[in-house]
Protein backbone atom coordinates (compact mmCIF):
# COMPACT_ATOMS: atom_id res chain seq x y z
CA MET A 1 103.59 67.04 98.50
CA ARG A 2 104.71 68.41 101.86
CA ILE A 3 107.33 71.19 101.70
CA LEU A 4 109.19 72.68 104.66
CA VAL A 5 110.53 76.21 104.01
CA THR A 6 113.04 77.89 106.32
CA SER A 7 113.92 81.59 106.48
CA SER A 8 115.48 83.94 109.01
CA PHE A 9 112.56 86.33 108.69
CA TYR A 10 109.11 86.08 107.15
CA PRO A 11 106.55 88.82 106.44
CA PRO A 12 105.26 90.88 108.03
CA VAL A 13 108.72 90.70 109.62
CA ALA A 14 111.02 91.61 106.72
CA PHE A 15 114.34 93.40 106.34
CA GLY A 16 114.51 93.42 102.55
CA GLY A 17 113.43 91.77 99.35
CA TYR A 18 114.71 88.30 100.38
CA GLU A 19 111.86 87.70 102.80
CA VAL A 20 109.18 89.20 100.56
CA GLU A 21 110.39 87.06 97.67
CA CYS A 22 110.26 83.98 99.88
CA SER A 23 106.66 84.69 100.88
CA ALA A 24 105.64 85.03 97.22
CA VAL A 25 107.12 81.62 96.44
CA VAL A 26 105.45 80.10 99.50
CA ASP A 27 102.08 81.48 98.41
CA ARG A 28 102.54 79.87 95.00
CA LEU A 29 103.62 76.52 96.42
CA ARG A 30 100.64 76.50 98.79
CA GLU A 31 98.30 76.51 95.79
CA ARG A 32 99.32 72.91 95.00
CA HIS A 33 101.16 71.61 98.06
CA GLU A 34 101.14 71.57 101.83
CA VAL A 35 103.72 74.05 103.11
CA ILE A 36 105.07 74.91 106.54
CA VAL A 37 107.42 77.86 107.09
CA LEU A 38 109.90 77.61 109.95
CA THR A 39 111.16 81.09 110.84
CA THR A 40 112.28 83.34 113.68
CA ARG A 41 110.29 84.45 116.67
CA GLY A 42 109.26 87.98 117.60
CA GLY A 43 108.94 91.15 115.60
CA ASP A 44 105.60 92.36 114.31
CA ALA A 45 104.25 88.91 113.51
CA PRO A 46 100.51 88.36 113.88
CA ALA A 47 99.10 85.80 116.26
CA LYS A 48 99.78 82.23 115.26
CA VAL A 49 96.10 81.50 114.85
CA THR A 50 96.04 83.78 111.79
CA GLU A 51 98.95 81.99 110.06
CA PRO A 52 98.73 78.26 110.77
CA HIS A 53 101.34 77.43 108.10
CA VAL A 54 104.00 79.66 109.74
CA ARG A 55 105.93 78.43 112.77
CA ARG A 56 107.80 81.32 114.39
CA GLU A 57 109.92 79.11 116.64
CA LEU A 58 113.56 79.86 115.82
CA PRO A 59 115.51 82.20 118.12
CA ARG A 60 117.14 85.22 116.53
CA LEU A 61 120.86 85.83 116.95
CA THR A 62 122.75 89.06 116.40
CA PRO A 63 126.27 88.88 114.86
CA ASP A 64 127.98 90.30 117.95
CA GLU A 65 129.33 89.18 121.31
CA ARG A 66 125.86 89.05 122.83
CA GLY A 67 124.72 86.75 120.03
CA ALA A 68 127.77 84.54 120.54
CA LEU A 69 127.03 84.21 124.24
CA ARG A 70 123.42 83.27 123.50
CA ALA A 71 124.34 80.87 120.70
CA PRO A 72 124.71 77.59 122.68
CA ALA A 73 121.28 77.75 124.32
CA ALA A 74 119.73 79.15 121.14
CA SER A 75 121.19 76.26 119.13
CA ILE A 76 119.53 73.73 121.42
CA SER A 77 116.20 75.53 120.90
CA ALA A 78 116.69 75.76 117.11
CA ALA A 79 117.61 72.08 116.80
CA ALA A 80 114.49 71.14 118.75
CA ALA A 81 112.34 73.34 116.48
CA ALA A 82 113.84 71.64 113.42
CA ARG A 83 113.06 68.20 114.81
CA ARG A 84 109.48 69.22 115.51
CA ALA A 85 109.20 70.34 111.89
CA LEU A 86 110.66 67.03 110.70
CA ALA A 87 107.97 65.21 112.70
CA TRP A 88 105.53 66.70 110.16
CA LYS A 89 107.31 64.41 107.62
CA PRO A 90 108.05 66.82 104.78
CA ASP A 91 108.92 65.46 101.35
CA GLY A 92 111.42 68.23 100.68
CA ILE A 93 113.07 71.21 102.34
CA TYR A 94 113.61 74.63 100.75
CA ALA A 95 116.08 76.72 102.80
CA TRP A 96 116.07 80.48 102.22
CA ASN A 97 117.80 83.17 104.29
CA GLY A 98 119.80 81.45 107.04
CA SER A 99 121.70 84.46 108.34
CA ALA A 100 120.05 85.38 111.62
CA PHE A 101 119.09 82.17 113.44
CA PRO A 102 121.19 79.31 114.84
CA GLN A 103 122.19 77.17 111.87
CA ALA A 104 121.91 74.12 114.10
CA ALA A 105 118.39 74.00 112.67
CA LEU A 106 119.70 73.74 109.10
CA ARG A 107 122.29 71.16 110.16
CA VAL A 108 119.57 68.97 111.68
CA LEU A 109 117.50 69.31 108.50
CA ALA A 110 120.48 68.53 106.26
CA ASP A 111 121.28 65.44 108.35
CA SER A 112 117.70 64.15 108.13
CA GLY A 113 118.17 62.62 104.68
CA ILE A 114 115.19 64.57 103.33
CA PRO A 115 116.04 66.28 100.00
CA ILE A 116 117.15 69.88 100.63
CA ALA A 117 117.48 72.82 98.27
CA PHE A 118 118.85 76.31 98.98
CA ARG A 119 117.73 79.64 97.56
CA VAL A 120 120.81 81.88 97.76
CA CYS A 121 120.21 85.62 97.47
CA GLU A 122 122.98 86.85 99.79
CA HIS A 123 126.50 86.02 100.96
CA TRP A 124 125.68 83.97 104.10
CA PHE A 125 125.69 80.68 102.19
CA GLY A 126 129.46 80.71 101.66
CA SER A 127 130.12 80.34 105.40
CA LEU A 128 127.24 77.99 106.14
CA PHE A 129 127.80 76.25 109.52
CA THR A 130 131.48 77.21 109.71
CA ALA A 131 130.74 80.81 110.78
CA ASP A 132 127.75 79.91 112.94
CA GLN A 133 128.31 81.30 116.43
CA PHE A 134 127.95 77.86 118.03
CA MET A 135 129.15 75.39 115.40
CA ARG A 136 132.36 77.31 114.65
CA GLU A 137 133.46 76.38 118.17
CA LEU A 138 133.29 72.70 117.20
CA LEU A 139 135.91 73.12 114.45
CA PRO A 140 139.71 73.04 114.91
CA ALA A 141 141.23 76.53 115.24
CA LYS A 142 143.89 78.45 117.14
CA ARG A 143 142.27 80.04 120.17
CA GLY A 144 143.38 81.95 123.23
CA PRO A 145 142.87 80.43 126.69
CA ALA A 146 139.43 81.95 127.29
CA ARG A 147 138.17 81.09 123.84
CA ALA A 148 139.62 77.57 124.12
CA ALA A 149 137.70 77.04 127.35
CA TRP A 150 134.52 78.33 125.71
CA SER A 151 135.02 75.97 122.76
CA LEU A 152 135.61 73.05 125.11
CA GLY A 153 132.30 73.83 126.79
CA ALA A 154 130.60 74.05 123.39
CA ARG A 155 131.91 70.62 122.41
CA ALA A 156 130.71 69.19 125.73
CA LEU A 157 127.28 70.68 125.11
CA ASN A 158 127.27 69.29 121.57
CA ALA A 159 127.58 65.76 123.02
CA MET A 160 123.96 66.08 124.24
CA PRO A 161 121.47 63.86 122.38
CA GLY A 162 119.58 66.94 121.16
CA LEU A 163 122.62 68.20 119.24
CA ARG A 164 125.57 66.00 118.18
CA LEU A 165 126.20 68.27 115.21
CA ASP A 166 129.07 67.89 112.76
CA PRO A 167 129.48 71.29 111.04
CA ASP A 168 131.25 70.02 107.93
CA ALA A 169 129.62 66.62 107.45
CA PRO A 170 129.02 66.14 103.70
CA PHE A 171 125.57 66.14 102.11
CA ARG A 172 123.96 66.69 98.71
CA ALA A 173 121.81 69.70 97.87
CA ALA A 174 120.31 71.67 95.01
CA ILE A 175 121.07 75.39 94.75
CA SER A 176 119.06 78.21 93.20
CA TRP A 177 121.23 81.34 92.87
CA ASN A 178 119.53 84.69 92.40
CA SER A 179 122.20 86.03 90.03
CA GLU A 180 125.37 85.08 88.23
CA ALA A 181 127.08 87.65 90.44
CA ILE A 182 126.25 85.88 93.71
CA ARG A 183 127.25 82.57 92.13
CA ARG A 184 130.68 84.08 91.36
CA MET A 185 131.07 85.84 94.69
CA VAL A 186 130.07 82.99 96.99
CA ASP A 187 131.92 79.68 97.11
CA THR A 188 129.74 76.64 97.71
CA PRO A 189 130.82 75.12 101.05
CA PRO A 190 133.19 72.21 100.34
CA PHE A 191 131.05 69.74 102.25
CA ILE A 192 128.04 70.33 99.96
CA GLU A 193 127.82 68.30 96.77
CA PRO A 194 125.53 70.20 94.38
CA VAL A 195 123.37 67.90 92.27
CA LEU A 196 121.53 70.74 90.54
CA GLU A 197 122.41 74.43 90.21
CA ARG A 198 120.32 77.05 88.49
CA VAL A 199 120.31 80.86 88.30
CA GLY A 200 116.89 82.42 88.73
CA HIS A 201 116.94 86.21 88.93
CA SER A 202 114.92 87.70 91.76
CA VAL A 203 111.91 89.80 90.81
CA PRO A 204 109.97 92.44 92.75
CA ARG A 205 106.74 91.18 94.24
CA PHE A 206 105.06 94.56 93.69
CA GLY A 207 106.44 95.24 90.22
CA GLU A 208 103.01 95.77 88.68
CA LEU A 209 102.23 98.36 91.35
CA TYR A 210 105.31 100.40 90.43
CA GLU A 211 104.59 100.12 86.72
CA ARG A 212 100.99 101.30 87.12
CA VAL A 213 101.94 104.57 88.81
CA GLY A 214 101.81 107.43 86.34
CA ARG A 215 104.67 109.90 86.17
CA ASP A 216 103.94 113.35 87.61
CA PRO A 217 104.02 115.69 84.57
CA ALA A 218 105.62 118.45 86.69
CA VAL A 219 108.80 116.40 87.27
CA SER A 220 110.75 117.85 84.32
CA GLY A 221 110.01 121.45 85.22
CA ARG A 222 110.59 121.26 88.96
CA ALA A 223 112.95 123.93 90.32
CA GLU A 224 114.36 121.51 92.89
CA PRO A 225 114.72 118.07 91.28
CA GLU A 226 113.91 115.22 93.67
CA ILE A 227 116.39 112.37 93.97
CA VAL A 228 115.08 109.27 95.73
CA PHE A 229 116.98 106.70 97.77
CA LEU A 230 114.77 103.67 98.45
CA GLY A 231 116.13 101.04 100.83
CA ARG A 232 117.41 100.35 104.32
CA VAL A 233 119.38 103.13 105.99
CA THR A 234 122.39 101.00 106.95
CA PRO A 235 126.11 101.55 106.28
CA PHE A 236 126.40 99.09 103.39
CA LYS A 237 123.54 100.73 101.45
CA GLY A 238 125.65 103.85 100.90
CA VAL A 239 123.35 106.65 102.09
CA ALA A 240 126.49 108.63 102.97
CA VAL A 241 127.55 108.48 99.31
CA ALA A 242 124.14 109.84 98.26
CA ILE A 243 124.36 112.74 100.75
CA GLU A 244 127.92 113.60 99.70
CA ALA A 245 126.87 113.48 96.03
CA LEU A 246 123.94 115.79 96.78
CA ALA A 247 126.28 118.28 98.47
CA LEU A 248 128.58 118.27 95.42
CA LEU A 249 125.61 118.56 93.07
CA ARG A 250 124.39 121.67 94.89
CA SER A 251 127.71 123.37 95.66
CA GLU A 252 129.87 122.59 92.63
CA ILE A 253 127.47 121.76 89.80
CA HIS A 254 124.84 124.26 91.00
CA ILE A 255 121.82 121.98 90.63
CA PRO A 256 119.54 122.68 93.65
CA ALA A 257 118.34 119.09 94.07
CA VAL A 258 116.85 117.48 97.18
CA LEU A 259 117.26 113.92 98.44
CA ASN A 260 114.33 111.87 99.76
CA VAL A 261 115.52 108.91 101.86
CA ILE A 262 112.77 106.28 102.08
CA GLY A 263 113.23 103.13 104.12
CA PRO A 264 113.64 101.68 107.60
CA GLU A 265 116.57 103.03 109.61
CA ASP A 266 119.29 101.57 111.73
CA SER A 267 118.80 104.24 114.41
CA ASP A 268 122.50 104.89 115.08
CA HIS A 269 123.33 105.09 111.39
CA GLY A 270 120.31 107.30 110.71
CA ALA A 271 121.54 109.75 113.35
CA GLU A 272 125.03 109.64 111.82
CA MET A 273 123.61 110.43 108.38
CA ARG A 274 121.74 113.45 109.75
CA ARG A 275 124.96 114.73 111.29
CA LEU A 276 126.74 114.21 107.95
CA ALA A 277 124.07 116.25 106.17
CA GLU A 278 124.52 119.01 108.75
CA ARG A 279 128.31 119.06 108.30
CA LEU A 280 127.98 119.25 104.51
CA GLY A 281 125.40 122.04 104.71
CA VAL A 282 122.55 120.09 103.09
CA ALA A 283 120.46 119.18 106.14
CA GLY A 284 117.53 121.16 104.78
CA SER A 285 117.74 119.32 101.47
CA VAL A 286 117.79 115.74 102.84
CA ARG A 287 114.41 114.41 103.94
CA PHE A 288 114.21 111.17 105.89
CA ARG A 289 110.78 109.64 105.23
CA GLY A 290 111.19 106.36 107.13
CA GLN A 291 109.59 103.09 106.11
CA VAL A 292 106.48 103.39 103.96
CA ALA A 293 104.08 100.99 102.27
CA PRO A 294 104.82 99.95 98.67
CA GLU A 295 101.98 102.18 97.45
CA GLN A 296 103.56 105.24 99.08
CA ALA A 297 107.00 104.34 97.77
CA ALA A 298 105.56 104.09 94.26
CA GLN A 299 103.94 107.52 94.63
CA ALA A 300 107.28 108.97 95.73
CA LEU A 301 108.92 107.52 92.63
CA SER A 302 106.26 109.10 90.43
CA ARG A 303 107.55 112.52 91.53
CA ALA A 304 111.27 111.67 91.39
CA SER A 305 113.68 113.10 88.84
CA ALA A 306 116.18 110.32 89.55
CA MET A 307 116.76 107.31 91.77
CA ILE A 308 120.16 106.68 93.34
CA VAL A 309 121.31 103.21 94.43
CA PRO A 310 124.70 103.94 96.06
CA SER A 311 125.42 100.56 97.67
CA THR A 312 128.96 100.05 98.92
CA TRP A 313 128.69 96.26 99.38
CA ASP A 314 128.40 93.67 96.64
CA GLU A 315 124.65 93.62 96.07
CA PRO A 316 123.74 90.21 94.61
CA PHE A 317 120.78 91.48 92.57
CA PRO A 318 118.96 94.52 93.99
CA LEU A 319 115.26 94.63 93.25
CA VAL A 320 115.08 98.38 93.82
CA THR A 321 116.68 99.02 90.41
CA ILE A 322 113.96 96.93 88.75
CA GLU A 323 111.25 98.78 90.71
CA GLY A 324 112.70 102.16 89.75
CA ALA A 325 112.90 101.19 86.08
CA LEU A 326 109.29 99.98 86.11
CA ALA A 327 108.27 103.34 87.61
CA ARG A 328 110.13 105.07 84.73
CA VAL A 329 112.60 106.82 87.04
CA PRO A 330 116.10 107.48 85.65
CA LEU A 331 118.63 105.29 87.46
CA VAL A 332 122.03 106.18 88.90
CA ALA A 333 123.78 103.35 90.77
CA SER A 334 127.10 102.08 92.02
CA ASP A 335 128.76 99.43 89.88
CA VAL A 336 128.98 96.70 92.51
CA GLY A 337 127.93 93.05 92.68
CA GLY A 338 125.01 92.20 90.42
CA ILE A 339 123.74 95.74 89.79
CA SER A 340 125.14 95.83 86.25
CA GLU A 341 123.75 92.34 85.62
CA GLY A 342 120.27 93.76 85.93
CA MET A 343 120.76 97.28 84.56
CA HIS A 344 123.64 97.84 82.14
CA ASP A 345 125.79 100.97 82.27
CA GLU A 346 124.81 103.70 79.76
CA GLU A 347 122.12 101.44 78.26
CA HIS A 348 119.71 101.34 81.20
CA ALA A 349 121.42 103.37 83.96
CA LEU A 350 124.47 105.47 84.71
CA LEU A 351 126.84 103.57 86.98
CA PHE A 352 129.67 104.93 89.14
CA ALA A 353 132.49 103.31 91.11
CA ARG A 354 131.99 102.02 94.65
CA ALA A 355 131.83 104.87 97.23
CA ASP A 356 132.62 107.48 94.53
CA ALA A 357 130.48 110.46 95.56
CA ALA A 358 132.01 112.68 92.88
CA GLY A 359 131.20 110.08 90.23
CA ALA A 360 127.67 109.82 91.58
CA ALA A 361 127.26 113.61 91.40
CA ARG A 362 128.45 113.66 87.78
CA ALA A 363 126.05 110.85 86.87
CA LEU A 364 123.17 112.67 88.56
CA ALA A 365 124.07 115.88 86.74
CA ARG A 366 124.02 114.08 83.39
CA THR A 367 120.70 112.48 84.26
CA LEU A 368 119.12 115.81 85.22
CA THR A 369 120.48 117.87 82.30
CA GLU A 370 120.75 115.50 79.30
CA THR A 371 117.00 115.31 78.73
CA ALA A 372 116.86 113.31 75.50
CA GLU A 373 119.55 110.81 76.48
CA THR A 374 117.93 110.26 79.88
CA ALA A 375 114.50 109.69 78.33
CA ALA A 376 115.93 107.09 75.95
CA ARG A 377 117.67 105.27 78.81
CA VAL A 378 114.44 105.24 80.81
CA GLU A 379 112.58 103.55 77.93
CA ARG A 380 115.30 100.93 77.52
CA ALA A 381 115.34 100.33 81.28
CA LEU A 382 111.57 99.87 81.32
CA ALA A 383 111.81 97.23 78.60
CA ARG A 384 114.60 95.49 80.52
CA ALA A 385 112.66 95.59 83.81
CA ARG A 386 109.64 93.99 82.14
CA GLU A 387 111.77 90.87 81.68
CA PHE A 388 111.58 90.33 85.46
CA ARG A 389 107.93 89.39 85.91
CA LEU A 390 106.51 87.74 89.01
CA ALA A 391 104.36 85.04 87.38
CA PRO A 392 107.14 83.52 85.22
CA TYR A 393 109.51 83.71 88.18
CA LEU A 394 107.07 81.79 90.39
CA ASP A 395 106.62 79.19 87.66
CA ALA A 396 110.39 78.82 87.43
CA GLN A 397 110.79 78.49 91.20
CA GLU A 398 108.15 75.78 91.42
CA GLN A 399 109.81 74.00 88.49
CA PHE A 400 113.23 74.30 90.13
CA PHE A 401 112.05 72.75 93.38
CA GLY A 402 110.43 69.85 91.57
CA ASP A 403 113.57 69.31 89.50
CA ALA A 404 115.68 69.57 92.66
CA LEU A 405 113.76 66.79 94.39
CA ALA A 406 114.03 64.59 91.30
CA ALA A 407 117.78 65.19 91.04
CA LEU A 408 118.35 64.56 94.74
CA HIS A 409 116.34 61.35 94.70
CA ALA A 410 118.29 60.18 91.66
CA ALA A 411 121.59 61.02 93.39
C-alpha cells in the first residue's frame, strides 16, 4: 500500500514530541508499505538524496502579519506540492501536524477523494482551514476597507486553476486523538464527517533510554537539590512559573534548590526569563542548558531531585511527564489539559493550579522533604509510565490507519 504522510515539521527538524512521534510511526509503516512524507522546507534537514521518502516542499508560515502577507503565494506553492504528491497515487493519506504550512495543501488532499485520516495531538485541528492565513479570506466576515480589499484579491487569486479552494467543503475523515483531553478541548470542524474516531495516547520514542538510566545515588543527600525543567523555553511552557517557584522555595521555605532548564529557546523569551531570574535574585541558581540530545537529557534526569512541568496552556498529553516517570524522577506539574490524564494527582505526581508559583513551590517542598511519600509516588509513576510503550503504540497506529481506510471505503 502507498501512504502519503503530511506534517509541518519532520526530524531532524522538530519542535516537540509531535514530529518525533510522527517519524516513529512512519518508520513502522515503511516496514510494510511504501511511504512518502510531505513536509516543510528548510531547517536542519539533510540533503534530499539521504532521505528519498521525505519531500521537503511545503513553505513555512509564521502566525503573524508577515506570514499573512506571504500566505497567498505560499498557498499556490503548497497546493502544487500536494498535487505532485497525489501524482504518486497514494492509497491513503495520514495528516499529522498542520499548524505551520499553508493548509491549501491539506484542502487539495481532502478534495482528492483519497481516504484521509488525521492524527491530532494539538489544538490546530479545531480551526482547520477556517483560520488558515489564506483560506480565511475566502469566508464571509466583517472586514475593514483594507482587509476587504485584501480578501477580494485573495478570492480573485483563488479563481486560478491551481487553487479553487472551498475552505468549508464537506468531506469524510478518520481521526486519531492523542488523549481524551484533546478530544474534549477541540471541536471537530463542522464540515468533517468522522467515520472512525479513536484515542491513542502518545508515547515517548526514547522511553527505554530514560528507563535504562540509573539514578545517581548522591541525589538524596545533595545540599542543593536539582530541579529539572525539560522542554521548549516558550511562554506557554511556563518557565516563568518554575523560576518564581524556585525563588519562593529558596527565600520562604529555605530549601537551597537550583533549577536546570533544558531545551531549545525562543531567544526573546529566553532573555526575558534570565531577566526575571535576576529580578528575583536567583540568577545564580537557574542554569540554562539549551537543547541537548536525548542521552544527555536522560543523564540530567538521573541527577535530578524533581522534575517540574509548569505549562500554562492546555497540554494535550505531554510526553515529558512519561519520560520523567520512566527515569524515576519525582514529578511536580500544573494541572492543565491532559497532564492529569497521564499522571494522576497525589498518586503519580503532585499537581498545582495553572500559573500558581506558590502552589508549585509547596509541591516541590513536599517532594523534597517527604522522603517516603515521594519514593512511593515515584514507584507508582514508573508503573504507570510503563503502560505507554512504543511497540504497542506503533502496532495500534498501524491498526488504526488500516481500520480508517476500511471505514472510509465503506462510507
